[in-house]
């Protein structure tokens, strides 16, 4: 696995772990404390999915600080580098949109149980 894919996986793992946390942590409360899991969790997961989508759309994934460092140090930087950075940001944004859609799909699946 190359370095770019490792970085993408690192950024994508955080909302996936949060999804697992949101799904499995309330289950004991459902079984032992009469928490209405199937009433509340779809709403919580839907809101979390929308938050992940917007968070991924507005995040720069470290590109702003990288560009600042390049300009500050005076390294050569051309339009091809900017296009590469924009492409990587688009890929990460699409990954976050996909993860947000997974949240929303789980919300709909739980609501139909």
Protein backbone atom coordinates (compact mmCIF):
# COMPACT_ATOMS: atom_id res chain seq x y z
CA UNK A 1 0.00 0.00 0.00
CA UNK A 2 1.51 3.31 -1.01
CA UNK A 3 1.77 6.41 1.16
CA UNK A 4 -1.21 8.20 -0.42
CA UNK A 5 -3.56 5.29 0.26
CA UNK A 6 -2.30 5.03 3.85
CA UNK A 7 -3.07 8.70 4.38
CA UNK A 8 -6.54 8.32 2.85
CA UNK A 9 -7.20 5.31 5.06
CA UNK A 10 -6.03 7.25 8.12
CA UNK A 11 -8.47 10.09 7.40
CA UNK A 12 -11.32 7.72 6.49
CA UNK A 13 -10.86 5.46 9.52
CA UNK A 14 -11.91 8.15 11.99
CA UNK A 15 -15.53 8.54 10.85
CA UNK A 16 -15.82 4.77 10.32
CA UNK A 17 -14.78 4.11 13.93
CA UNK A 18 -17.25 6.76 15.06
CA UNK A 19 -19.97 4.96 13.07
CA UNK A 20 -19.17 1.66 14.78
CA UNK A 21 -19.13 3.46 18.13
CA UNK A 22 -22.54 5.03 17.44
CA UNK A 23 -24.06 1.72 16.41
CA UNK A 24 -22.70 -0.63 19.08
CA UNK A 25 -22.27 1.44 22.25
CA UNK A 26 -26.02 2.17 22.76
CA UNK A 27 -26.99 -1.51 22.31
CA UNK A 28 -26.45 -2.49 25.99
CA UNK A 29 -28.69 0.40 27.01
CA UNK A 30 -31.33 -0.93 24.64
CA UNK A 31 -31.16 -4.41 26.16
CA UNK A 32 -30.84 -3.49 29.84
CA UNK A 33 -32.26 0.00 30.38
CA UNK A 34 -35.18 0.17 27.94
CA UNK A 35 -33.49 2.71 25.65
CA UNK A 36 -35.58 3.10 22.50
CA UNK A 37 -32.71 2.29 20.15
CA UNK A 38 -34.80 1.92 17.01
CA UNK A 39 -36.52 5.26 17.62
CA UNK A 40 -33.55 7.47 18.43
CA UNK A 41 -30.57 5.98 16.62
CA UNK A 42 -31.79 6.55 13.04
CA UNK A 43 -32.07 10.27 13.76
CA UNK A 44 -28.67 10.39 15.44
CA UNK A 45 -27.03 8.45 12.60
CA UNK A 46 -28.69 10.64 9.96
CA UNK A 47 -27.47 13.83 11.65
CA UNK A 48 -23.99 12.32 12.05
CA UNK A 49 -23.98 11.35 8.35
CA UNK A 50 -24.86 14.87 7.27
CA UNK A 51 -22.13 16.18 9.60
CA UNK A 52 -19.55 13.83 8.07
CA UNK A 53 -20.54 14.88 4.55
CA UNK A 54 -20.25 18.59 5.33
CA UNK A 55 -17.08 18.09 7.37
CA UNK A 56 -15.46 16.29 4.46
CA UNK A 57 -16.62 18.95 2.02
CA UNK A 58 -15.21 21.84 4.06
CA UNK A 59 -11.99 20.25 5.26
CA UNK A 60 -8.73 20.99 3.47
CA UNK A 61 -7.08 17.75 4.77
CA UNK A 62 -3.84 19.58 5.48
CA UNK A 63 -3.46 21.20 2.05
CA UNK A 64 -3.56 24.77 3.37
CA UNK A 65 -0.68 24.21 5.78
CA UNK A 66 1.29 22.34 3.08
CA UNK A 67 0.92 25.22 0.60
CA UNK A 68 1.88 27.75 3.30
CA UNK A 69 5.00 25.74 4.12
CA UNK A 70 5.97 25.50 0.44
CA UNK A 71 5.62 29.25 -0.07
CA UNK A 72 7.37 30.01 3.22
CA UNK A 73 10.38 27.85 2.37
CA UNK A 74 10.52 29.05 -1.24
CA UNK A 75 10.39 25.61 -2.86
CA UNK A 76 9.45 25.43 -6.54
CA UNK A 77 5.71 25.16 -6.97
CA UNK A 78 3.75 25.15 -10.21
CA UNK A 79 0.20 24.74 -11.46
CA UNK A 80 0.60 20.96 -11.80
CA UNK A 81 1.22 20.74 -8.06
CA UNK A 82 -1.97 22.69 -7.36
CA UNK A 83 -3.94 20.45 -9.70
CA UNK A 84 -2.58 17.40 -7.89
CA UNK A 85 -3.57 18.85 -4.51
CA UNK A 86 -7.06 19.68 -5.78
CA UNK A 87 -7.43 16.16 -7.17
CA UNK A 88 -6.45 14.63 -3.84
CA UNK A 89 -8.86 16.92 -1.99
CA UNK A 90 -11.66 15.91 -4.37
CA UNK A 91 -10.93 12.24 -3.77
CA UNK A 92 -10.98 12.73 0.01
CA UNK A 93 -14.21 14.72 -0.24
CA UNK A 94 -15.81 11.93 -2.25
CA UNK A 95 -14.62 9.40 0.34
CA UNK A 96 -16.23 11.44 3.10
CA UNK A 97 -19.46 11.75 1.10
CA UNK A 98 -19.45 7.97 0.71
CA UNK A 99 -18.89 7.46 4.43
CA UNK A 100 -21.69 9.92 5.20
CA UNK A 101 -23.98 7.98 2.88
CA UNK A 102 -23.06 4.80 4.77
CA UNK A 103 -24.21 6.53 7.96
CA UNK A 104 -27.50 7.48 6.30
CA UNK A 105 -28.01 3.97 4.88
CA UNK A 106 -27.50 2.47 8.35
CA UNK A 107 -30.00 5.00 9.71
CA UNK A 108 -32.61 3.90 7.19
CA UNK A 109 -31.88 0.22 7.81
CA UNK A 110 -32.24 0.63 11.56
CA UNK A 111 -35.45 2.61 11.14
CA UNK A 112 -37.04 -0.25 9.19
CA UNK A 113 -36.22 -2.89 11.84
